[in-house]
Amino acid sequence: MNPMKRVSQSPRVFNVISWGVTALVVLALAGVTAWQIRPVPVAAAPQPTPTEDPATVQLPAAVTGGNASGPAIARQVNLKTNIPAGRPSYQAIDYVVERGDSLYGIANQFNLKPGSVLLSNFDVLKDSPDSIRVGQVLKIPPIDGVYYQWQAGDTLDSVVKSLNVEPDAILSWPGNDIDLTNPQIKPGGWVMVPGGKRPFTIAPLNAVVSRSSSSGSSTSACSGGPIGSGYFVWPATFHSLSGNDYWDGHLGIDITAVEGASVYAADSGVVVRADLGWNSGYGEVVMIDHGNGFQTLYAHLSQINVSLCQSITVGQVIGYAGNTGNSFGAHLHFEIRLNGAHVNPWGQLH
């Protein structure tokens, strides 16, 4: 064998082996890479169910109670805006009187004392709750007190003195919007006077004749007659309120009584007033003196069946209910007085 030929073949064999090894390494690396990035099998998506005809779809029943079960969720729907009850109001509002209204009822509707509504509307009612009429526009104050219209010549001192409050009651009320550095109120302007009050200008109706008391201490125009028991029965068939209740601006109660209904003496006594006409707004009126310090008054009658100094027994018909005088619908206005002072009939009637 030729030595030169063996030497020339060795490099060729080496190259073949090197390339073979390289190819094996490349193939191994490719296999590892392919194994690491192989795709993850994904489940096939479910086929969608065809939508039913909307007209035939039945919705699940709503859950209406706390113990109900089912997939539905209970929900309350409230389309009305709730205004917090304690939200302050600083401005008066206008209220148009409707049939069936009374001053007492209107005041209750706005959570006010009836005197606050009465005193805030002197220009309309002239201090008389019986002057209320359908269609009148009344000013309803935001709180108890007096909604006052400033007059020419008024001063802060004169107004607060007449309404029995301190100046700060007017100056500090937010709705009055007064510049405290220069407090000026123009005539015709309105201010709220919280807590303001003054005496009412309506005078009570009194007897036209007198009778002696049980002690005989007074001169009598009507001598003799029965003495009451101090126990008062209802003067009308219905034992219910028909308008104004008893308060300091209305010193009696308005009892339900239709036109022409009988009116009865609440206790025995002697008639000391039996008058037709206006009578300061009382209309046709009867007053009975019971000889024990008590007097009772029956107003707005349509007819009077008794006369002055006539003796009366408890339960006797003295007249018929009506709508005379300053009245807003038929009813019986009834008062009880003790030694000249008005008392609440609710505590006396049985």
Protein backbone atom coordinates (compact mmCIF):
# COMPACT_ATOMS: atom_id res chain seq x y z
CA MET A 1 0.00 0.00 0.00
CA ASN A 2 1.15 3.41 -0.78
CA PRO A 3 1.83 5.46 2.41
CA MET A 4 1.02 8.74 0.77
CA LYS A 5 -2.45 7.55 -0.16
CA ARG A 6 -3.27 6.62 3.52
CA VAL A 7 -2.30 10.09 4.72
CA SER A 8 -4.47 11.83 2.15
CA GLN A 9 -7.57 9.79 3.15
CA SER A 10 -7.42 10.51 6.95
CA PRO A 11 -8.60 14.18 6.80
CA ARG A 12 -11.47 13.18 4.60
CA VAL A 13 -12.70 10.59 7.10
CA PHE A 14 -12.38 13.09 9.94
CA ASN A 15 -14.48 15.64 8.09
CA VAL A 16 -17.21 13.10 7.43
CA ILE A 17 -17.33 12.11 11.10
CA SER A 18 -17.41 15.81 12.25
CA TRP A 19 -20.24 16.65 9.97
CA GLY A 20 -22.15 13.59 11.12
CA VAL A 21 -21.76 14.51 14.78
CA THR A 22 -22.80 18.09 14.06
CA ALA A 23 -25.89 16.90 12.26
CA LEU A 24 -26.82 14.67 15.19
CA VAL A 25 -26.42 17.57 17.64
CA VAL A 26 -28.55 19.85 15.47
CA LEU A 27 -31.25 17.21 15.19
CA ALA A 28 -31.21 16.66 18.96
CA LEU A 29 -31.57 20.36 19.68
CA ALA A 30 -34.39 20.70 17.18
CA GLY A 31 -36.21 17.82 18.77
CA VAL A 32 -35.94 19.35 22.26
CA THR A 33 -37.19 22.70 21.00
CA ALA A 34 -40.10 21.14 19.19
CA TRP A 35 -41.06 19.23 22.30
CA GLN A 36 -41.12 22.42 24.49
CA ILE A 37 -43.31 24.45 22.11
CA ARG A 38 -45.73 21.72 21.15
CA PRO A 39 -49.38 23.07 21.05
CA VAL A 40 -51.70 22.41 24.02
CA PRO A 41 -54.79 20.56 22.93
CA VAL A 42 -57.98 22.73 23.26
CA ALA A 43 -61.45 21.27 23.66
CA ALA A 44 -63.82 22.07 20.88
CA ALA A 45 -66.31 24.93 21.63
CA PRO A 46 -69.88 23.75 22.29
CA GLN A 47 -72.38 24.43 19.58
CA PRO A 48 -74.74 27.39 20.55
CA THR A 49 -78.36 26.54 21.30
CA PRO A 50 -80.76 28.32 18.93
CA THR A 51 -82.63 31.26 20.58
CA GLU A 52 -86.28 30.64 21.30
CA ASP A 53 -89.01 32.79 19.91
CA PRO A 54 -89.20 35.82 22.34
CA ALA A 55 -92.96 35.54 22.42
CA THR A 56 -92.69 32.02 23.92
CA VAL A 57 -89.90 32.63 26.44
CA GLN A 58 -91.12 32.31 30.05
CA LEU A 59 -89.27 34.50 32.54
CA PRO A 60 -88.59 33.07 36.00
CA ALA A 61 -91.01 34.16 38.70
CA ALA A 62 -89.85 37.14 40.76
CA VAL A 63 -88.76 36.51 44.33
CA THR A 64 -91.17 38.44 46.56
CA GLY A 65 -90.35 37.25 50.03
CA GLY A 66 -87.32 36.83 52.23
CA ASN A 67 -87.82 33.05 52.35
CA ALA A 68 -88.36 32.55 48.59
CA SER A 69 -85.93 30.38 46.69
CA GLY A 70 -84.83 30.30 43.06
CA PRO A 71 -82.41 31.98 40.72
CA ALA A 72 -84.19 35.36 40.75
CA ILE A 73 -82.91 38.23 42.91
CA ALA A 74 -85.42 40.25 44.95
CA ARG A 75 -85.34 43.96 44.12
CA GLN A 76 -87.46 46.90 45.16
CA VAL A 77 -88.10 49.66 42.66
CA ASN A 78 -88.91 53.12 44.03
CA LEU A 79 -89.40 55.82 41.44
CA LYS A 80 -90.38 58.48 43.99
CA THR A 81 -87.71 60.74 45.40
CA ASN A 82 -87.67 60.61 49.17
CA ILE A 83 -87.07 64.00 50.77
CA PRO A 84 -85.67 63.70 54.31
CA ALA A 85 -88.29 64.62 56.90
CA GLY A 86 -85.81 66.74 58.81
CA ARG A 87 -84.89 68.87 55.83
CA PRO A 88 -85.24 72.51 56.89
CA SER A 89 -87.56 74.90 55.09
CA TYR A 90 -86.95 78.63 55.24
CA GLN A 91 -89.69 80.10 53.05
CA ALA A 92 -93.44 80.43 53.49
CA ILE A 93 -95.68 78.80 50.92
CA ASP A 94 -99.09 79.78 49.54
CA TYR A 95 -102.05 77.49 50.25
CA VAL A 96 -105.40 77.79 48.45
CA VAL A 97 -108.33 76.96 50.75
CA GLU A 98 -110.52 74.11 49.53
CA ARG A 99 -114.01 73.00 50.52
CA GLY A 100 -113.93 71.09 53.78
CA ASP A 101 -110.81 72.87 55.07
CA SER A 102 -110.55 74.38 58.53
CA LEU A 103 -107.75 76.52 59.90
CA TYR A 104 -107.06 73.87 62.51
CA GLY A 105 -106.87 71.13 59.86
CA ILE A 106 -104.59 73.16 57.59
CA ALA A 107 -102.20 73.83 60.47
CA ASN A 108 -102.09 70.12 61.32
CA GLN A 109 -101.35 69.30 57.70
CA PHE A 110 -98.16 71.39 57.90
CA ASN A 111 -97.28 70.37 61.49
CA LEU A 112 -97.88 73.87 62.80
CA LYS A 113 -99.87 75.40 65.63
CA PRO A 114 -103.11 76.90 64.31
CA GLY A 115 -102.21 80.22 65.93
CA SER A 116 -99.13 80.44 63.71
CA VAL A 117 -101.26 80.20 60.57
CA LEU A 118 -103.89 82.59 61.93
CA LEU A 119 -101.41 85.29 63.00
CA SER A 120 -99.54 85.02 59.69
CA ASN A 121 -102.72 85.86 57.75
CA PHE A 122 -104.22 88.85 59.55
CA ASP A 123 -104.83 90.64 56.25
CA VAL A 124 -107.13 87.77 55.17
CA LEU A 125 -108.63 86.37 58.39
CA LYS A 126 -108.55 89.35 60.79
CA ASP A 127 -107.70 87.01 63.70
CA SER A 128 -110.86 84.94 63.18
CA PRO A 129 -110.40 81.25 62.26
CA ASP A 130 -114.07 81.20 61.20
CA SER A 131 -113.30 83.68 58.41
CA ILE A 132 -111.76 80.98 56.24
CA ARG A 133 -113.40 80.65 52.81
CA VAL A 134 -112.90 78.56 49.66
CA GLY A 135 -110.40 80.14 47.28
CA GLN A 136 -108.56 82.24 49.87
CA VAL A 137 -104.77 82.14 49.59
CA LEU A 138 -103.14 81.66 52.99
CA LYS A 139 -99.46 82.03 53.73
CA ILE A 140 -98.11 78.98 55.57
CA PRO A 141 -95.02 79.85 57.64
CA PRO A 142 -92.09 77.40 57.58
CA ILE A 143 -92.10 77.04 61.38
CA ASP A 144 -94.24 78.14 64.31
CA GLY A 145 -94.28 81.87 64.83
CA VAL A 146 -95.48 84.78 62.71
CA TYR A 147 -94.79 85.39 59.04
CA TYR A 148 -94.90 89.18 59.15
CA GLN A 149 -95.17 91.79 56.41
CA TRP A 150 -93.10 94.85 57.24
CA GLN A 151 -95.14 98.04 57.43
CA ALA A 152 -94.13 101.65 56.82
CA GLY A 153 -92.86 103.06 60.10
CA ASP A 154 -91.90 99.65 61.53
CA THR A 155 -88.58 99.32 63.29
CA LEU A 156 -86.85 96.18 64.45
CA ASP A 157 -87.46 97.16 68.07
CA SER A 158 -91.16 97.87 67.57
CA VAL A 159 -91.82 94.60 65.73
CA VAL A 160 -90.01 92.33 68.18
CA LYS A 161 -91.74 94.06 71.07
CA SER A 162 -95.19 93.57 69.54
CA LEU A 163 -94.48 89.88 68.88
CA ASN A 164 -92.71 89.19 72.19
CA VAL A 165 -89.35 88.03 70.83
CA GLU A 166 -85.75 89.18 70.85
CA PRO A 167 -84.23 90.94 67.79
CA ASP A 168 -82.05 87.92 67.10
CA ALA A 169 -85.19 85.89 66.29
CA ILE A 170 -85.55 87.95 63.11
CA LEU A 171 -81.91 88.72 62.36
CA SER A 172 -80.62 85.15 62.66
CA TRP A 173 -83.36 83.37 60.71
CA PRO A 174 -81.60 82.19 57.50
CA GLY A 175 -84.65 82.68 55.27
CA ASN A 176 -84.84 86.40 56.13
CA ASP A 177 -81.45 86.95 54.44
CA ILE A 178 -80.69 90.12 56.41
CA ASP A 179 -77.32 91.84 56.20
CA LEU A 180 -76.22 91.85 59.84
CA THR A 181 -73.77 94.69 59.19
CA ASN A 182 -76.63 96.91 58.01
CA PRO A 183 -79.99 95.33 58.92
CA GLN A 184 -82.53 97.11 56.74
CA ILE A 185 -86.02 95.75 55.94
CA LYS A 186 -88.10 97.53 53.32
CA PRO A 187 -91.84 98.16 53.81
CA GLY A 188 -93.84 95.43 52.10
CA GLY A 189 -91.15 92.83 52.64
CA TRP A 190 -91.86 89.62 54.54
CA VAL A 191 -89.88 88.26 57.47
CA MET A 192 -90.25 85.12 59.54
CA VAL A 193 -90.45 85.74 63.28
CA PRO A 194 -89.85 82.33 64.91
CA GLY A 195 -91.77 81.99 68.19
CA GLY A 196 -93.57 85.29 67.62
CA LYS A 197 -96.99 85.72 69.21
CA ARG A 198 -99.44 88.44 70.17
CA PRO A 199 -102.94 88.59 71.67
CA PHE A 200 -105.82 87.93 69.29
CA THR A 201 -108.08 90.90 68.59
CA ILE A 202 -111.40 88.98 68.63
CA ALA A 203 -113.27 89.53 71.93
CA PRO A 204 -115.40 86.71 73.36
CA LEU A 205 -119.17 87.02 73.33
CA ASN A 206 -120.67 87.61 76.80
CA ALA A 207 -124.09 87.24 78.41
CA VAL A 208 -126.61 90.08 77.94
CA VAL A 209 -128.21 89.45 81.33
CA SER A 210 -126.94 87.92 84.53
CA ARG A 211 -128.27 85.55 87.14
CA SER A 212 -127.25 85.03 90.73
CA SER A 213 -124.72 82.34 91.49
CA SER A 214 -125.42 79.53 93.89
CA SER A 215 -123.89 81.69 96.64
CA GLY A 216 -126.18 84.61 95.77
CA SER A 217 -123.23 86.97 95.52
CA SER A 218 -124.41 88.91 92.45
CA THR A 219 -127.45 90.93 91.54
CA SER A 220 -129.73 88.86 89.32
CA ALA A 221 -131.62 89.96 86.24
CA CYS A 222 -133.00 86.41 86.03
CA SER A 223 -134.15 85.23 89.43
CA GLY A 224 -134.41 81.60 90.38
CA GLY A 225 -133.94 78.75 87.95
CA PRO A 226 -132.27 75.38 88.22
CA ILE A 227 -128.63 74.88 89.22
CA GLY A 228 -126.50 72.71 86.99
CA SER A 229 -124.79 69.54 88.12
CA GLY A 230 -121.40 70.40 86.59
CA TYR A 231 -121.76 67.26 84.48
CA PHE A 232 -122.10 68.13 80.77
CA VAL A 233 -123.74 65.95 78.12
CA TRP A 234 -123.05 66.33 74.41
CA PRO A 235 -125.14 69.15 72.92
CA ALA A 236 -125.47 67.41 69.52
CA THR A 237 -126.21 63.95 68.22
CA PHE A 238 -122.73 63.42 66.77
CA HIS A 239 -119.81 63.31 69.21
CA SER A 240 -117.15 64.36 66.74
CA LEU A 241 -115.25 67.38 65.50
CA SER A 242 -116.32 69.11 62.29
CA GLY A 243 -113.76 71.90 61.98
CA ASN A 244 -111.74 73.85 64.51
CA ASP A 245 -110.71 72.30 67.79
CA TYR A 246 -110.07 74.15 71.05
CA TRP A 247 -106.99 76.38 71.13
CA ASP A 248 -106.18 79.91 72.23
CA GLY A 249 -107.47 81.44 68.98
CA HIS A 250 -110.67 79.36 68.98
CA LEU A 251 -112.10 79.03 72.48
CA GLY A 252 -114.55 76.24 71.75
CA ILE A 253 -115.03 73.18 69.58
CA ASP A 254 -116.91 72.85 66.29
CA ILE A 255 -119.15 69.81 66.66
CA THR A 256 -120.49 67.89 63.68
CA ALA A 257 -124.14 68.89 63.09
CA VAL A 258 -126.05 69.11 59.83
CA GLU A 259 -128.37 72.00 59.02
CA GLY A 260 -131.50 71.75 61.18
CA ALA A 261 -130.16 69.11 63.60
CA SER A 262 -131.34 69.45 67.20
CA VAL A 263 -129.11 71.24 69.71
CA TYR A 264 -129.46 70.22 73.36
CA ALA A 265 -128.68 71.98 76.64
CA ALA A 266 -125.49 70.42 78.02
CA ASP A 267 -126.67 71.01 81.62
CA SER A 268 -129.57 72.63 83.46
CA GLY A 269 -129.62 76.39 83.98
CA VAL A 270 -131.09 79.71 82.84
CA VAL A 271 -130.84 81.38 79.42
CA VAL A 272 -128.79 84.58 79.67
CA ARG A 273 -128.43 85.20 75.93
CA ALA A 274 -130.69 84.29 72.98
CA ASP A 275 -129.86 86.55 70.02
CA LEU A 276 -130.44 86.60 66.30
CA GLY A 277 -128.11 88.33 63.85
CA TRP A 278 -124.35 88.55 63.36
CA ASN A 279 -123.29 88.75 67.02
CA SER A 280 -119.56 89.25 66.37
CA GLY A 281 -119.60 86.33 63.95
CA TYR A 282 -121.35 83.88 66.29
CA GLY A 283 -124.60 84.20 64.32
CA GLU A 284 -127.74 83.09 66.13
CA VAL A 285 -126.55 82.19 69.60
CA VAL A 286 -127.78 80.89 72.96
CA MET A 287 -125.92 81.12 76.27
CA ILE A 288 -126.96 79.29 79.43
CA ASP A 289 -125.82 80.18 82.93
CA HIS A 290 -125.78 77.07 85.11
CA GLY A 291 -125.67 78.90 88.45
CA ASN A 292 -122.50 77.15 89.65
CA GLY A 293 -119.87 79.24 87.91
CA PHE A 294 -120.29 77.45 84.57
CA GLN A 295 -121.77 78.91 81.39
CA THR A 296 -122.24 77.20 78.02
CA LEU A 297 -122.58 78.82 74.59
CA TYR A 298 -124.16 77.43 71.40
CA ALA A 299 -123.48 79.35 68.16
CA HIS A 300 -124.25 79.46 64.39
CA LEU A 301 -127.82 78.20 65.03
CA SER A 302 -130.45 78.23 62.32
CA GLN A 303 -133.28 78.61 64.85
CA ILE A 304 -133.59 79.49 68.57
CA ASN A 305 -136.28 77.80 70.65
CA VAL A 306 -135.73 79.57 74.00
CA SER A 307 -135.91 83.10 75.43
CA LEU A 308 -134.06 85.19 77.99
CA CYS A 309 -134.35 84.07 81.64
CA GLN A 310 -136.07 80.84 80.63
CA SER A 311 -135.27 77.87 82.88
CA ILE A 312 -133.68 74.97 81.02
CA THR A 313 -133.20 71.33 81.94
CA VAL A 314 -130.31 69.18 80.75
CA GLY A 315 -130.97 67.59 77.35
CA GLN A 316 -133.73 70.05 76.40
CA VAL A 317 -133.78 71.16 72.73
CA ILE A 318 -132.80 74.84 72.72
CA GLY A 319 -132.51 75.32 68.93
CA TYR A 320 -131.27 73.86 65.68
CA ALA A 321 -127.82 73.76 64.10
CA GLY A 322 -127.06 76.02 61.17
CA ASN A 323 -124.54 78.15 59.34
CA THR A 324 -125.32 81.69 60.53
CA GLY A 325 -122.75 84.35 61.36
CA ASN A 326 -119.11 83.92 60.38
CA SER A 327 -119.39 80.22 59.57
CA PHE A 328 -117.92 77.97 56.90
CA GLY A 329 -120.52 75.20 56.65
CA ALA A 330 -123.19 73.99 59.07
CA HIS A 331 -121.93 72.91 62.49
CA LEU A 332 -122.36 73.68 66.19
CA HIS A 333 -119.81 75.94 67.86
CA PHE A 334 -119.81 75.02 71.56
CA GLU A 335 -118.04 76.73 74.47
CA ILE A 336 -117.77 76.10 78.22
CA ARG A 337 -116.68 78.85 80.62
CA LEU A 338 -115.92 78.67 84.32
CA ASN A 339 -116.06 81.92 86.27
CA GLY A 340 -115.64 83.83 83.01
CA ALA A 341 -112.60 81.86 81.78
CA HIS A 342 -112.82 79.49 78.84
CA VAL A 343 -112.10 75.83 79.53
CA ASN A 344 -111.53 73.01 77.08
CA PRO A 345 -114.85 71.22 76.47
CA TRP A 346 -113.09 67.92 75.80
CA GLY A 347 -112.30 67.63 79.49
CA GLN A 348 -115.90 68.33 80.53
CA LEU A 349 -118.17 66.48 78.11
CA HIS A 350 -119.45 63.01 78.95
